[in-house]
């Protein structure tokens, strides 16, 4: 059985609760990523996506100097490294999310995205189904 540990990205750049909206956006640009975990005292407290920056930041007229905690998503779904790939894909599909932080003993040890699964042969079909479900949901907003 393939686990999340087999496919997750282990080098994850983060922002802290002391960072502002501009700093998170700049980090996303520099790293060419669409989501940044937010940590405080080594604990995951939120995530900020490029969509959060637009919808909760710009559209609500928050300046770049606003606290990242003002626009981050606080209720974060996570998986553990020992969870199966199938479980992670199921969670992504059910929660309509494309990225899942991976926590071990309460610490952020990685992140897994739909793209990580698509390179796994046996998971291609599951990843395709999850992406289809998520994309279908996105189009209804």
Protein backbone atom coordinates (compact mmCIF):
# COMPACT_ATOMS: atom_id res chain seq x y z
CA UNK A 1 0.00 0.00 0.00
CA UNK A 2 1.37 3.38 -1.01
CA UNK A 3 1.29 5.93 1.77
CA UNK A 4 1.26 9.71 1.82
CA UNK A 5 4.94 9.56 2.90
CA UNK A 6 5.77 7.97 -0.47
CA UNK A 7 4.41 10.87 -2.52
CA UNK A 8 4.49 13.98 -0.31
CA UNK A 9 6.78 16.95 -0.76
CA UNK A 10 8.96 17.20 2.33
CA UNK A 11 10.57 20.60 1.75
CA UNK A 12 7.74 22.98 2.60
CA UNK A 13 8.31 26.71 2.88
CA UNK A 14 6.04 28.40 5.40
CA UNK A 15 5.05 31.81 6.64
CA UNK A 16 4.46 32.62 10.27
CA UNK A 17 1.62 34.50 11.91
CA UNK A 18 3.98 37.51 12.05
CA UNK A 19 4.08 37.77 8.25
CA UNK A 20 1.75 40.03 6.33
CA UNK A 21 -0.28 39.51 3.17
CA UNK A 22 2.42 41.02 0.93
CA UNK A 23 5.14 38.75 2.34
CA UNK A 24 3.00 35.66 1.72
CA UNK A 25 2.24 36.75 -1.84
CA UNK A 26 5.93 37.45 -2.50
CA UNK A 27 6.92 34.02 -1.16
CA UNK A 28 4.32 32.36 -3.42
CA UNK A 29 5.74 34.24 -6.40
CA UNK A 30 9.35 33.37 -5.57
CA UNK A 31 8.55 29.68 -4.99
CA UNK A 32 5.99 29.45 -7.81
CA UNK A 33 3.43 27.84 -5.49
CA UNK A 34 -0.25 28.48 -4.91
CA UNK A 35 -0.44 27.77 -1.18
CA UNK A 36 1.64 28.52 1.88
CA UNK A 37 1.19 26.90 5.30
CA UNK A 38 1.11 29.34 8.22
CA UNK A 39 2.85 28.22 11.40
CA UNK A 40 3.12 29.54 14.92
CA UNK A 41 5.44 27.94 17.48
CA UNK A 42 6.03 25.03 15.09
CA UNK A 43 2.29 24.32 14.90
CA UNK A 44 0.21 24.60 11.73
CA UNK A 45 -2.41 27.28 12.35
CA UNK A 46 -3.60 27.98 8.82
CA UNK A 47 -3.05 27.98 5.08
CA UNK A 48 -3.12 30.80 2.58
CA UNK A 49 -3.81 30.14 -1.07
CA UNK A 50 -3.50 32.44 -4.05
CA UNK A 51 -7.31 32.44 -4.08
CA UNK A 52 -7.39 33.60 -0.44
CA UNK A 53 -5.15 36.52 -1.41
CA UNK A 54 -7.64 37.57 -4.07
CA UNK A 55 -10.97 36.80 -2.40
CA UNK A 56 -10.22 37.66 1.23
CA UNK A 57 -7.41 40.11 0.56
CA UNK A 58 -7.76 42.27 -2.53
CA UNK A 59 -11.54 41.93 -2.96
CA UNK A 60 -12.10 42.94 0.67
CA UNK A 61 -9.66 45.84 0.29
CA UNK A 62 -7.09 44.52 2.75
CA UNK A 63 -3.75 46.20 2.02
CA UNK A 64 -0.55 44.20 1.66
CA UNK A 65 0.39 45.24 5.17
CA UNK A 66 -2.60 43.33 6.63
CA UNK A 67 -1.84 40.45 8.97
CA UNK A 68 -1.77 37.11 7.20
CA UNK A 69 -4.05 35.80 9.95
CA UNK A 70 -6.79 38.13 8.64
CA UNK A 71 -7.10 36.22 5.38
CA UNK A 72 -5.78 32.72 6.06
CA UNK A 73 -7.97 29.65 6.22
CA UNK A 74 -7.92 28.48 9.83
CA UNK A 75 -9.87 25.21 9.74
CA UNK A 76 -7.30 22.99 8.02
CA UNK A 77 -7.82 19.40 6.98
CA UNK A 78 -4.63 17.34 7.30
CA UNK A 79 -3.38 13.80 6.81
CA UNK A 80 -0.56 11.84 8.39
CA UNK A 81 2.42 10.34 6.54
CA UNK A 82 1.16 6.83 7.29
CA UNK A 83 -2.27 7.43 5.73
CA UNK A 84 -2.89 5.66 2.44
CA UNK A 85 -2.78 7.52 -0.85
CA UNK A 86 -6.40 6.47 -1.37
CA UNK A 87 -7.44 8.06 1.93
CA UNK A 88 -5.70 11.33 1.05
CA UNK A 89 -7.38 11.43 -2.37
CA UNK A 90 -10.74 10.69 -0.80
CA UNK A 91 -10.27 13.53 1.70
CA UNK A 92 -9.28 15.92 -1.10
CA UNK A 93 -12.32 14.95 -3.11
CA UNK A 94 -14.73 15.22 -0.17
CA UNK A 95 -13.29 18.52 1.08
CA UNK A 96 -12.88 19.96 -2.45
CA UNK A 97 -9.21 20.84 -1.87
CA UNK A 98 -6.10 20.38 -3.99
CA UNK A 99 -3.43 20.40 -1.26
CA UNK A 100 -3.19 18.70 2.12
CA UNK A 101 -0.66 19.48 4.83
CA UNK A 102 0.91 16.36 6.33
CA UNK A 103 1.28 16.36 10.11
CA UNK A 104 3.22 13.92 12.26
CA UNK A 105 3.04 14.30 16.05
CA UNK A 106 1.46 17.71 15.50
CA UNK A 107 4.35 18.98 13.35
CA UNK A 108 4.20 19.89 9.67
CA UNK A 109 6.38 17.34 7.86
CA UNK A 110 5.16 17.77 4.30
CA UNK A 111 2.44 18.69 1.91
CA UNK A 112 0.70 16.59 -0.68
CA UNK A 113 -1.08 17.92 -3.76
CA UNK A 114 -3.07 16.36 -6.55
CA UNK A 115 0.00 16.77 -8.75
CA UNK A 116 1.97 14.50 -6.42
CA UNK A 117 -0.54 11.72 -7.04
CA UNK A 118 -0.74 12.12 -10.78
CA UNK A 119 2.84 10.92 -11.17
CA UNK A 120 1.96 7.69 -9.42
CA UNK A 121 0.75 5.18 -12.01
CA UNK A 122 -1.71 3.33 -9.81
CA UNK A 123 -3.19 6.58 -8.57
CA UNK A 124 -3.71 8.24 -11.96
CA UNK A 125 -7.33 7.24 -12.17
CA UNK A 126 -8.07 8.25 -8.56
CA UNK A 127 -6.28 11.58 -8.96
CA UNK A 128 -8.17 12.20 -12.19
CA UNK A 129 -11.48 11.48 -10.47
CA UNK A 130 -10.61 13.74 -7.52
CA UNK A 131 -9.52 16.56 -9.86
CA UNK A 132 -12.70 16.14 -11.88
CA UNK A 133 -14.81 16.33 -8.70
CA UNK A 134 -12.92 19.39 -7.44
CA UNK A 135 -12.96 21.16 -10.81
CA UNK A 136 -16.66 20.47 -11.21
CA UNK A 137 -17.25 21.98 -7.77
CA UNK A 138 -15.10 25.03 -8.65
CA UNK A 139 -17.20 25.73 -11.75
CA UNK A 140 -20.39 25.94 -9.74
CA UNK A 141 -19.25 29.02 -7.79
